[in-house]
Protein backbone atom coordinates (compact mmCIF):
# COMPACT_ATOMS: atom_id res chain seq x y z
CA MET A 1 24.48 96.61 56.90
CA ASP A 2 22.73 96.86 60.00
CA ASN A 3 24.30 93.40 61.60
CA SER A 4 24.30 93.70 65.16
CA ALA A 5 20.26 94.39 64.52
CA THR A 6 19.87 90.91 62.72
CA THR A 7 21.40 88.77 60.50
CA ARG A 8 19.95 86.51 57.44
CA VAL A 9 19.33 83.15 58.53
CA CYS A 10 22.10 80.73 56.95
CA PRO A 11 21.18 77.98 54.75
CA GLU A 12 22.03 75.67 56.69
CA ALA A 13 20.27 76.94 59.42
CA ALA A 14 17.33 77.45 57.55
CA ALA A 15 17.65 73.90 56.43
CA LYS A 16 17.57 72.55 59.21
CA VAL A 17 14.99 74.64 60.75
CA MET A 18 12.53 73.31 58.22
CA GLU A 19 13.35 69.62 58.69
CA MET A 20 12.71 70.05 62.31
CA MET A 21 8.99 71.12 60.97
CA THR A 22 8.45 68.78 58.87
CA GLU A 23 10.37 65.88 59.42
CA LYS A 24 11.57 65.47 63.21
CA PHE A 25 8.27 67.66 64.60
CA GLY A 26 8.37 65.49 67.55
CA ASN A 27 7.81 66.87 71.12
CA PRO A 28 11.65 66.36 72.44
CA SER A 29 10.28 64.92 75.70
CA SER A 30 7.78 62.20 74.69
CA LEU A 31 8.71 59.16 74.93
CA HIS A 32 8.39 57.43 71.17
CA SER A 33 11.04 57.74 68.58
CA LYS A 34 10.06 61.25 66.92
CA GLY A 35 10.26 62.73 70.31
CA LEU A 36 13.49 60.71 70.91
CA GLU A 37 14.86 62.25 67.42
CA ALA A 38 14.71 66.01 68.59
CA GLU A 39 15.75 65.68 71.72
CA ASN A 40 19.18 64.56 69.80
CA GLU A 41 18.45 67.24 67.62
CA ILE A 42 18.72 69.74 71.05
CA LYS A 43 21.01 67.82 72.45
CA SER A 44 23.64 68.24 69.43
CA ALA A 45 22.81 71.75 69.00
CA ARG A 46 23.26 72.70 73.00
CA GLN A 47 26.70 70.90 72.09
CA ALA A 48 27.95 73.37 69.69
CA ILE A 49 26.80 75.92 70.96
CA ALA A 50 29.40 74.79 74.40
CA SER A 51 31.81 73.85 72.25
CA LEU A 52 31.79 77.00 70.89
CA LEU A 53 32.02 78.59 74.11
CA GLY A 54 34.29 76.06 76.01
CA VAL A 55 31.44 75.10 78.11
CA GLN A 56 29.48 71.50 79.51
CA ALA A 57 26.75 71.16 77.05
CA ARG A 58 24.43 70.65 80.65
CA GLU A 59 25.91 74.33 81.87
CA LEU A 60 23.44 76.21 79.13
CA THR A 61 20.17 76.93 79.19
CA PHE A 62 17.81 77.84 76.00
CA THR A 63 15.42 80.89 76.00
CA SER A 64 13.86 82.79 73.44
CA GLY A 65 16.72 85.32 72.58
CA GLY A 66 18.65 87.82 74.80
CA THR A 67 16.13 89.37 76.00
CA GLU A 68 15.20 86.30 77.98
CA ALA A 69 18.38 85.67 79.42
CA ASN A 70 18.93 88.98 80.95
CA ASN A 71 16.01 88.63 82.54
CA LEU A 72 16.57 85.54 83.88
CA ALA A 73 20.38 85.74 84.94
CA ILE A 74 19.49 89.66 86.13
CA LEU A 75 16.73 88.47 88.68
CA GLY A 76 17.25 85.06 88.74
CA ALA A 77 20.54 86.08 90.65
CA VAL A 78 19.22 88.56 93.20
CA LYS A 79 16.11 87.27 94.25
CA ALA A 80 18.51 84.37 95.14
CA ARG A 81 21.23 86.67 96.76
CA LYS A 82 18.97 89.29 98.17
CA ARG A 83 19.84 88.27 101.46
CA MET A 84 23.70 88.37 101.12
CA GLY A 85 23.24 92.79 99.82
CA SER A 86 21.52 95.05 98.13
CA ARG A 87 23.91 96.78 95.15
CA ILE A 88 24.39 95.69 91.93
CA VAL A 89 26.51 97.13 89.55
CA THR A 90 26.03 97.78 85.51
CA THR A 91 26.70 100.41 83.39
CA ALA A 92 24.78 103.33 81.94
CA ILE A 93 25.07 101.71 77.98
CA GLU A 94 23.45 98.77 78.37
CA HIS A 95 21.37 96.82 76.32
CA PRO A 96 17.75 97.80 77.21
CA SER A 97 16.96 94.38 78.30
CA VAL A 98 19.74 94.85 80.76
CA LEU A 99 18.56 97.92 81.89
CA GLY A 100 14.76 97.20 82.01
CA PRO A 101 15.45 94.44 84.77
CA MET A 102 17.16 97.64 86.73
CA ALA A 103 15.03 99.83 87.25
CA GLU A 104 12.68 97.10 88.07
CA LEU A 105 14.88 95.96 90.95
CA GLU A 106 15.78 99.85 91.42
CA LYS A 107 11.80 99.76 92.33
CA GLN A 108 11.96 96.79 94.68
CA GLY A 109 15.00 98.54 97.23
CA PHE A 110 17.82 97.29 95.57
CA GLU A 111 20.44 99.83 95.17
CA VAL A 112 21.71 99.76 91.45
CA VAL A 113 25.36 101.89 90.49
CA TYR A 114 25.15 102.59 86.41
CA LEU A 115 28.73 103.28 85.41
CA LYS A 116 29.34 105.83 82.91
CA PRO A 117 32.50 105.20 79.96
CA GLY A 118 34.46 108.03 79.13
CA GLU A 119 34.62 109.16 75.52
CA ASP A 120 36.14 105.69 74.32
CA GLY A 121 32.82 104.19 75.20
CA LYS A 122 34.47 101.79 78.03
CA VAL A 123 34.34 101.87 81.84
CA THR A 124 37.13 101.68 83.85
CA GLU A 125 38.60 99.24 85.97
CA GLU A 126 39.61 101.79 88.51
CA ALA A 127 35.57 102.87 88.62
CA LEU A 128 34.99 98.77 89.45
CA LEU A 129 36.93 98.63 92.21
CA GLU A 130 35.22 102.09 93.76
CA ALA A 131 31.80 100.77 93.03
CA VAL A 132 32.33 96.95 94.22
CA ASP A 133 31.69 96.70 97.73
CA GLY A 134 30.86 93.56 100.30
CA ASN A 135 28.04 94.50 99.42
CA THR A 136 27.36 93.47 96.22
CA ILE A 137 25.68 90.64 94.69
CA LEU A 138 25.89 90.93 91.49
CA ILE A 139 27.64 93.09 88.59
CA SER A 140 26.05 93.26 85.21
CA MET A 141 27.87 93.74 82.01
CA MET A 142 27.94 94.03 78.35
CA CYS A 143 30.87 92.60 76.34
CA VAL A 144 30.99 94.35 73.64
CA ASN A 145 28.49 97.32 73.72
CA ASN A 146 25.60 97.75 70.58
CA GLU A 147 26.04 100.72 69.56
CA THR A 148 29.64 101.69 69.59
CA GLY A 149 31.29 97.97 69.24
CA ALA A 150 33.59 99.29 72.48
CA VAL A 151 35.09 96.10 74.51
CA GLN A 152 34.31 96.49 77.78
CA PRO A 153 36.98 95.51 80.74
CA VAL A 154 34.98 92.10 82.25
CA GLU A 155 38.03 90.83 83.49
CA ALA A 156 38.27 93.44 85.66
CA ALA A 157 34.50 93.17 87.24
CA ARG A 158 36.19 89.46 88.43
CA ARG A 159 38.96 91.22 90.47
CA ALA A 160 36.87 94.35 91.89
CA ILE A 161 34.64 90.90 93.42
CA LYS A 162 37.35 89.15 94.54
CA ARG A 163 39.47 92.51 96.01
CA SER A 164 36.16 92.73 97.64
CA LYS A 165 35.20 90.09 98.81
CA ALA A 166 32.47 90.09 97.45
CA PRO A 167 28.43 87.62 96.97
CA ALA A 168 28.58 88.88 93.89
CA LEU A 169 27.55 86.95 90.42
CA LEU A 170 29.22 88.29 87.08
CA HIS A 171 26.81 87.96 84.55
CA VAL A 172 27.73 89.09 80.74
CA ASP A 173 25.56 89.91 78.07
CA ALA A 174 28.01 88.93 75.49
CA VAL A 175 24.94 88.60 72.15
CA GLN A 176 27.02 90.98 70.54
CA ALA A 177 30.58 89.17 71.24
CA PHE A 178 29.03 86.01 70.30
CA GLY A 179 30.41 84.14 67.16
CA LYS A 180 33.29 87.12 66.57
CA LEU A 181 35.11 87.10 69.88
CA PRO A 182 36.58 83.74 71.07
CA LEU A 183 34.47 83.64 74.59
CA LYS A 184 36.19 81.19 76.98
CA PRO A 185 33.44 82.38 80.15
CA ILE A 186 35.59 79.92 82.70
CA ARG A 187 38.62 81.52 81.84
CA MET A 188 36.99 85.09 81.51
CA GLY A 189 35.76 84.04 85.37
CA VAL A 190 32.02 84.72 84.38
CA ASP A 191 29.40 83.07 86.21
CA MET A 192 26.37 84.03 83.72
CA MET A 193 26.49 84.48 80.10
CA THR A 194 24.38 85.38 77.58
CA VAL A 195 24.02 84.51 74.17
CA SER A 196 21.65 84.96 70.60
CA GLY A 197 20.83 83.59 67.93
CA HIS A 198 19.98 85.82 65.41
CA LYS A 199 22.87 87.84 65.50
CA VAL A 200 25.25 84.78 64.49
CA HIS A 201 22.83 83.92 61.17
CA ALA A 202 19.74 81.18 63.47
CA PRO A 203 16.57 83.04 63.18
CA LYS A 204 15.18 85.22 65.76
CA GLY A 205 13.26 83.68 69.03
CA ILE A 206 16.28 81.51 70.19
CA GLY A 207 19.29 82.34 72.41
CA ALA A 208 20.64 80.55 75.34
CA LEU A 209 22.50 81.22 79.17
CA TYR A 210 25.75 79.71 79.61
CA LEU A 211 25.02 79.47 83.97
CA ALA A 212 28.56 78.29 85.87
CA ARG A 213 28.38 74.99 87.12
CA GLY A 214 27.46 75.92 91.14
CA VAL A 215 26.08 78.58 90.47
CA ARG A 216 22.47 78.91 91.66
CA ILE A 217 18.94 81.22 90.45
CA LEU A 218 15.83 81.41 90.83
CA PRO A 219 13.52 80.64 87.74
CA ARG A 220 10.97 83.03 87.14
CA THR A 221 8.22 80.46 85.33
CA PHE A 222 7.19 77.28 86.32
CA GLY A 223 5.85 74.22 84.50
CA GLY A 224 7.10 70.87 83.52
CA GLY A 225 10.31 71.16 84.09
CA GLN A 226 12.14 71.32 80.89
CA GLU A 227 15.86 73.33 80.48
CA GLN A 228 16.19 71.98 84.64
CA ASN A 229 13.60 73.81 85.53
CA LEU A 230 14.89 77.70 84.49
CA ARG A 231 12.73 77.52 81.49
CA PRO A 232 9.84 75.38 81.88
CA GLY A 233 7.82 74.30 78.50
CA THR A 234 8.34 72.67 75.85
CA GLU A 235 11.54 73.46 74.20
CA CYS A 236 11.10 74.94 70.57
CA ALA A 237 13.39 72.69 68.64
CA PRO A 238 13.08 74.36 65.04
CA LEU A 239 15.10 77.16 66.52
CA ILE A 240 17.23 75.68 68.41
CA ALA A 241 18.05 72.93 66.01
CA GLY A 242 18.54 76.25 63.49
CA PHE A 243 20.68 77.96 66.13
CA GLY A 244 23.31 74.89 66.40
CA ALA A 245 22.86 74.43 62.30
CA ALA A 246 24.18 78.23 62.38
CA VAL A 247 27.00 77.65 65.37
CA ARG A 248 28.27 75.15 63.24
CA ALA A 249 28.09 77.26 59.56
CA LEU A 250 30.34 79.67 61.59
CA PRO A 251 33.98 80.32 59.73
CA ALA A 252 37.05 80.44 61.28
CA LEU A 253 36.93 83.09 63.95
CA GLU A 254 40.37 84.02 63.66
CA GLU A 255 39.68 84.68 59.09
CA THR A 256 36.56 86.26 59.85
CA LEU A 257 37.96 88.84 62.71
CA ALA A 258 40.57 90.06 59.90
CA ARG A 259 38.29 90.13 57.15
CA MET A 260 35.95 92.27 59.64
CA GLU A 261 39.69 94.30 60.27
CA GLY A 262 39.93 95.54 56.42
CA LEU A 263 36.18 96.16 55.92
CA ARG A 264 36.36 98.37 58.55
CA ALA A 265 39.88 99.66 57.33
CA TYR A 266 38.23 100.73 54.01
CA LEU A 267 35.08 102.27 55.81
CA LEU A 268 37.49 104.56 57.68
CA GLU A 269 39.47 105.51 54.90
CA ARG A 270 36.95 106.62 52.55
CA LEU A 271 34.79 108.17 55.10
CA ASN A 272 38.20 110.13 57.07
CA ALA A 273 38.31 111.60 53.11
CA MET A 274 34.96 112.92 54.03
CA GLU A 275 34.22 116.52 55.49
CA GLY A 276 31.63 116.74 58.17
CA ILE A 277 31.78 113.44 59.31
CA THR A 278 32.38 113.11 63.03
CA LEU A 279 33.94 109.12 64.38
CA ASN A 280 32.26 108.05 67.24
CA SER A 281 33.74 104.46 67.78
CA ARG A 282 37.55 104.29 68.48
CA ALA A 283 40.05 101.73 66.94
CA ASP A 284 40.30 99.23 69.59
CA GLY A 285 36.62 98.29 69.12
CA LEU A 286 34.90 95.48 67.60
CA PRO A 287 35.59 95.52 64.09
CA TYR A 288 32.61 93.95 62.96
CA LEU A 289 30.88 97.49 64.39
CA VAL A 290 31.44 101.41 63.08
CA ASN A 291 29.35 104.05 64.28
CA PHE A 292 29.64 108.21 63.25
CA SER A 293 27.55 110.92 63.42
CA VAL A 294 27.01 112.91 59.99
CA ASP A 295 27.03 116.83 61.32
CA GLY A 296 24.56 118.50 60.83
CA ILE A 297 22.01 115.94 59.40
CA ARG A 298 19.65 114.00 61.61
CA SER A 299 20.33 109.90 62.01
CA GLU A 300 16.41 109.18 60.22
CA THR A 301 16.89 111.58 58.00
CA MET A 302 20.05 109.97 56.72
CA LEU A 303 18.68 106.74 57.23
CA HIS A 304 15.22 106.96 55.46
CA HIS A 305 17.36 108.49 52.38
CA LEU A 306 20.11 105.44 52.51
CA ALA A 307 17.03 102.66 52.12
CA SER A 308 15.31 104.39 49.03
CA ARG A 309 19.31 103.61 47.37
CA GLY A 310 18.91 99.82 49.08
CA VAL A 311 21.82 100.54 51.68
CA TYR A 312 20.61 99.32 55.20
CA VAL A 313 22.20 100.50 58.45
CA SER A 314 20.85 102.02 61.57
CA GLY A 315 20.61 105.00 64.04
CA GLY A 316 21.41 102.77 67.16
CA SER A 317 20.17 99.92 69.05
CA ALA A 318 17.31 98.28 67.25
CA CYS A 319 15.23 97.90 70.43
CA ALA A 320 15.21 101.94 70.87
CA LYS A 321 12.38 102.21 68.45
CA GLY A 322 14.60 105.67 67.12
CA LYS A 323 15.02 106.79 70.40
CA SER A 324 17.92 109.00 70.75
CA SER A 325 21.01 106.63 72.03
CA HIS A 326 21.71 106.83 75.64
CA VAL A 327 25.23 105.05 75.17
CA LEU A 328 26.44 108.26 73.18
CA GLU A 329 24.79 110.29 75.66
CA ALA A 330 26.35 108.60 77.87
CA MET A 331 29.72 109.48 77.12
CA GLY A 332 29.22 112.88 77.27
CA PHE A 333 29.15 113.59 73.14
CA ALA A 334 26.96 116.97 72.35
CA HIS A 335 23.39 116.15 71.09
CA SER A 336 23.72 117.27 68.04
CA ARG A 337 26.57 114.35 67.18
CA VAL A 338 24.05 112.21 69.52
CA VAL A 339 21.05 112.68 66.94
CA SER A 340 23.18 112.47 63.63
CA ALA A 341 24.70 108.99 64.51
CA ILE A 342 24.96 106.35 62.06
CA ARG A 343 25.92 102.65 62.90
CA VAL A 344 26.91 100.63 60.43
CA SER A 345 27.12 96.47 61.49
CA PHE A 346 28.87 93.95 59.40
CA CYS A 347 28.45 90.31 58.82
CA ARG A 348 30.22 88.42 56.98
CA GLU A 349 28.66 88.61 53.83
CA ASN A 350 29.46 92.43 53.44
CA THR A 351 32.11 93.15 51.13
CA LYS A 352 33.63 96.26 49.98
CA GLN A 353 31.27 97.11 47.65
CA ASP A 354 28.34 97.48 50.08
CA ILE A 355 30.30 100.11 52.12
CA ASP A 356 31.30 102.08 48.65
CA ALA A 357 27.40 101.93 48.21
CA LEU A 358 27.25 103.32 52.08
CA VAL A 359 29.55 105.76 51.60
CA ASP A 360 28.49 107.47 47.98
CA GLY A 361 24.62 107.43 49.90
CA ILE A 362 26.04 109.01 53.10
CA ALA A 363 27.75 111.84 50.73
CA GLU A 364 24.46 112.10 48.14
CA GLY A 365 22.42 112.92 51.50
CA MET A 366 24.78 115.66 52.60
CA ASP A 367 24.72 117.35 49.59
CA THR A 368 21.05 116.90 48.72
CA LEU A 369 19.58 117.24 52.05
CA ALA A 370 21.58 120.17 52.92
CA LYS A 371 20.45 121.87 50.23
CA ALA A 372 16.62 120.76 51.49
CA ARG A 373 17.04 122.00 54.16
CA ARG A 374 18.55 125.22 52.55
């Protein structure tokens, strides 16, 4: 139940990757039939992902994952628009692959505004309207927070750009929303959108950046001209094809969302019956993800206890490497609540039996770990 960190590769994606590595192994830039075979698989994958987003296939650039796509979008957009202004607006609860580039841009002299969320985990439209001015060249904000599941007001960011008449591009990190919510970047007014494969049962090491038609960003690497010169280098055809296969294998979003709502309701029912549990996620968040704190027991201690029982969850973002959650801190929670947080994240493979194993393990841990401290 740590599927926000990564998911098991689905059989369809695994079979496609193996096929690409052992049979359709040509270089997609080669002119012979083996190259054409690989190129066609890339085209098929690009179309599958584009169709899910409701965009044109040519508007997608494949990357090595969400981190590279976020860096390409943020640094490429700012480089292209640096003569138009110097302000960038983001949030204090972004993934490290957004906060890292922002820190680098601050070193280069750009002004970065970090909007803080409320206790519900969301930034407000009022805060966006106040932060965005005519000097703003980029807004970068996630669609769904990877620790709490809070859905951010992306459309409000577009309204803020229009109201201020800013020359800003809107970038959305949709890694935790892709394949789970019905994302339509054109309807949302999004210029750039990041998605990743290994959150939707594709292999690790593959992601994509949507770039709206007519939007110009500058590349970070240079070479052979692949991916419309934005991400040159021989395409990793096996991972790309595997990504496409995983997307084609996704069940209907509405059906899966309803099932996740049922799992979340069952988890909350069991947690609410326990003493010493404090919920950090709100009911209007993505139902795939529930964050809560176990009073008096540090996250790492509880995680090891649960892992010994074959139950796997996390204390926050896997990319934080065990550090205290900057997301929960930004929400204003007490330190004791932050360091005892547990993140449970579902996928379509999870069952109520998994939840029973989790809650029973937490109850046992609360008893035995508390006694051990005494």
